[in-house]
Amino acid sequence: MGISVTKLLIVLGIAIVLFGTKRLRNAGSDIGAAIKNFRSAIKDGESDKDEAGSGSELDGEVTDRKKDE
């Protein structure tokens, strides 16, 4: 009950007839860009998480205090 090569070619042919090659190419590039952005967002989130855990300052901590003169 697997999907054979002939069935995949029939589905591909129907998709080309319905949408056209240009629209399918654009959809493929859009999906690729979305996956790339998702992966970079995941990496940014992990690096932000690592930076937040290794900080030496606390929120609201005074690190440089000037005296009123």
C-alpha atoms as a PDB file:
ATOM      1  CA  MET A   1       0.000   0.000   0.000  1.00  0.00           C
ATOM      2  CA  GLY A   2       2.894   2.346  -0.595  1.00  0.00           C
ATOM      3  CA  ILE A   3       3.000   5.270  -2.959  1.00  0.00           C
ATOM      4  CA  SER A   4       4.501   4.241  -6.268  1.00  0.00           C
ATOM      5  CA  VAL A   5       6.446   6.388  -8.702  1.00  0.00           C
ATOM      6  CA  THR A   6       3.549   6.422 -11.175  1.00  0.00           C
ATOM      7  CA  LYS A   7       1.165   7.769  -8.526  1.00  0.00           C
ATOM      8  CA  LEU A   8       3.633  10.539  -7.631  1.00  0.00           C
ATOM      9  CA  LEU A   9       4.009  11.480 -11.311  1.00  0.00           C
ATOM     10  CA  ILE A  10       0.219  11.629 -11.730  1.00  0.00           C
ATOM     11  CA  VAL A  11      -0.116  13.906  -8.671  1.00  0.00           C
ATOM     12  CA  LEU A  12       2.730  16.094  -9.937  1.00  0.00           C
ATOM     13  CA  GLY A  13       1.108  16.341 -13.360  1.00  0.00           C
ATOM     14  CA  ILE A  14      -2.226  17.370 -11.853  1.00  0.00           C
ATOM     15  CA  ALA A  15      -0.493  19.994  -9.684  1.00  0.00           C
ATOM     16  CA  ILE A  16       1.278  21.443 -12.729  1.00  0.00           C
ATOM     17  CA  VAL A  17      -1.968  21.609 -14.686  1.00  0.00           C
ATOM     18  CA  LEU A  18      -3.849  23.262 -11.804  1.00  0.00           C
ATOM     19  CA  PHE A  19      -1.231  25.748 -10.649  1.00  0.00           C
ATOM     20  CA  GLY A  20       1.345  26.084 -13.401  1.00  0.00           C
ATOM     21  CA  THR A  21       5.100  25.806 -13.141  1.00  0.00           C
ATOM     22  CA  LYS A  22       5.712  29.434 -12.198  1.00  0.00           C
ATOM     23  CA  ARG A  23       3.334  29.364  -9.250  1.00  0.00           C
ATOM     24  CA  LEU A  24       4.768  26.032  -8.026  1.00  0.00           C
ATOM     25  CA  ARG A  25       8.309  27.413  -8.287  1.00  0.00           C
ATOM     26  CA  ASN A  26       7.322  30.489  -6.272  1.00  0.00           C
ATOM     27  CA  ALA A  27       5.612  28.343  -3.654  1.00  0.00           C
ATOM     28  CA  GLY A  28       8.726  26.177  -3.337  1.00  0.00           C
ATOM     29  CA  SER A  29      11.012  29.162  -2.853  1.00  0.00           C
ATOM     30  CA  ASP A  30       8.606  30.683  -0.314  1.00  0.00           C
ATOM     31  CA  ILE A  31       8.533  27.457   1.680  1.00  0.00           C
ATOM     32  CA  GLY A  32      12.337  27.264   1.572  1.00  0.00           C
ATOM     33  CA  ALA A  33      12.669  30.851   2.822  1.00  0.00           C
ATOM     34  CA  ALA A  34      10.188  30.171   5.625  1.00  0.00           C
ATOM     35  CA  ILE A  35      12.163  27.123   6.767  1.00  0.00           C
ATOM     36  CA  LYS A  36      15.413  29.107   6.665  1.00  0.00           C
ATOM     37  CA  ASN A  37      13.899  31.927   8.757  1.00  0.00           C
ATOM     38  CA  PHE A  38      12.468  29.416  11.225  1.00  0.00           C
ATOM     39  CA  ARG A  39      15.850  27.749  11.712  1.00  0.00           C
ATOM     40  CA  SER A  40      17.614  31.086  12.234  1.00  0.00           C
ATOM     41  CA  ALA A  41      14.959  32.134  14.763  1.00  0.00           C
ATOM     42  CA  ILE A  42      15.490  28.896  16.673  1.00  0.00           C
ATOM     43  CA  LYS A  43      19.262  29.500  16.745  1.00  0.00           C
ATOM     44  CA  ASP A  44      18.750  33.107  17.901  1.00  0.00           C
ATOM     45  CA  GLY A  45      16.416  31.931  20.652  1.00  0.00           C
ATOM     46  CA  GLU A  46      18.949  29.404  21.876  1.00  0.00           C
ATOM     47  CA  SER A  47      21.766  31.975  21.913  1.00  0.00           C
ATOM     48  CA  ASP A  48      19.558  34.476  23.784  1.00  0.00           C
ATOM     49  CA  LYS A  49      18.714  31.763  26.290  1.00  0.00           C
ATOM     50  CA  ASP A  50      22.409  30.983  26.824  1.00  0.00           C
ATOM     51  CA  GLU A  51      23.298  34.675  27.261  1.00  0.00           C
ATOM     52  CA  ALA A  52      20.524  35.211  29.792  1.00  0.00           C
ATOM     53  CA  GLY A  53      21.732  32.303  31.904  1.00  0.00           C
ATOM     54  CA  SER A  54      25.381  33.387  31.982  1.00  0.00           C
ATOM     55  CA  GLY A  55      24.911  37.070  32.868  1.00  0.00           C
ATOM     56  CA  SER A  56      26.670  38.340  35.968  1.00  0.00           C
ATOM     57  CA  GLU A  57      24.311  41.252  36.605  1.00  0.00           C
ATOM     58  CA  LEU A  58      20.869  41.014  38.092  1.00  0.00           C
ATOM     59  CA  ASP A  59      17.909  42.948  36.813  1.00  0.00           C
ATOM     60  CA  GLY A  60      17.875  46.327  38.508  1.00  0.00           C
ATOM     61  CA  GLU A  61      21.381  46.003  39.916  1.00  0.00           C
ATOM     62  CA  VAL A  62      23.364  49.248  40.112  1.00  0.00           C
ATOM     63  CA  THR A  63      26.755  48.716  38.513  1.00  0.00           C
ATOM     64  CA  ASP A  64      27.994  52.286  38.246  1.00  0.00           C
ATOM     65  CA  ARG A  65      26.970  54.736  40.892  1.00  0.00           C
ATOM     66  CA  LYS A  66      27.983  58.388  40.725  1.00  0.00           C
ATOM     67  CA  LYS A  67      28.026  60.520  43.827  1.00  0.00           C
ATOM     68  CA  ASP A  68      26.086  63.743  43.801  1.00  0.00           C
ATOM     69  CA  GLU A  69      28.563  66.594  44.002  1.00  0.00           C
END
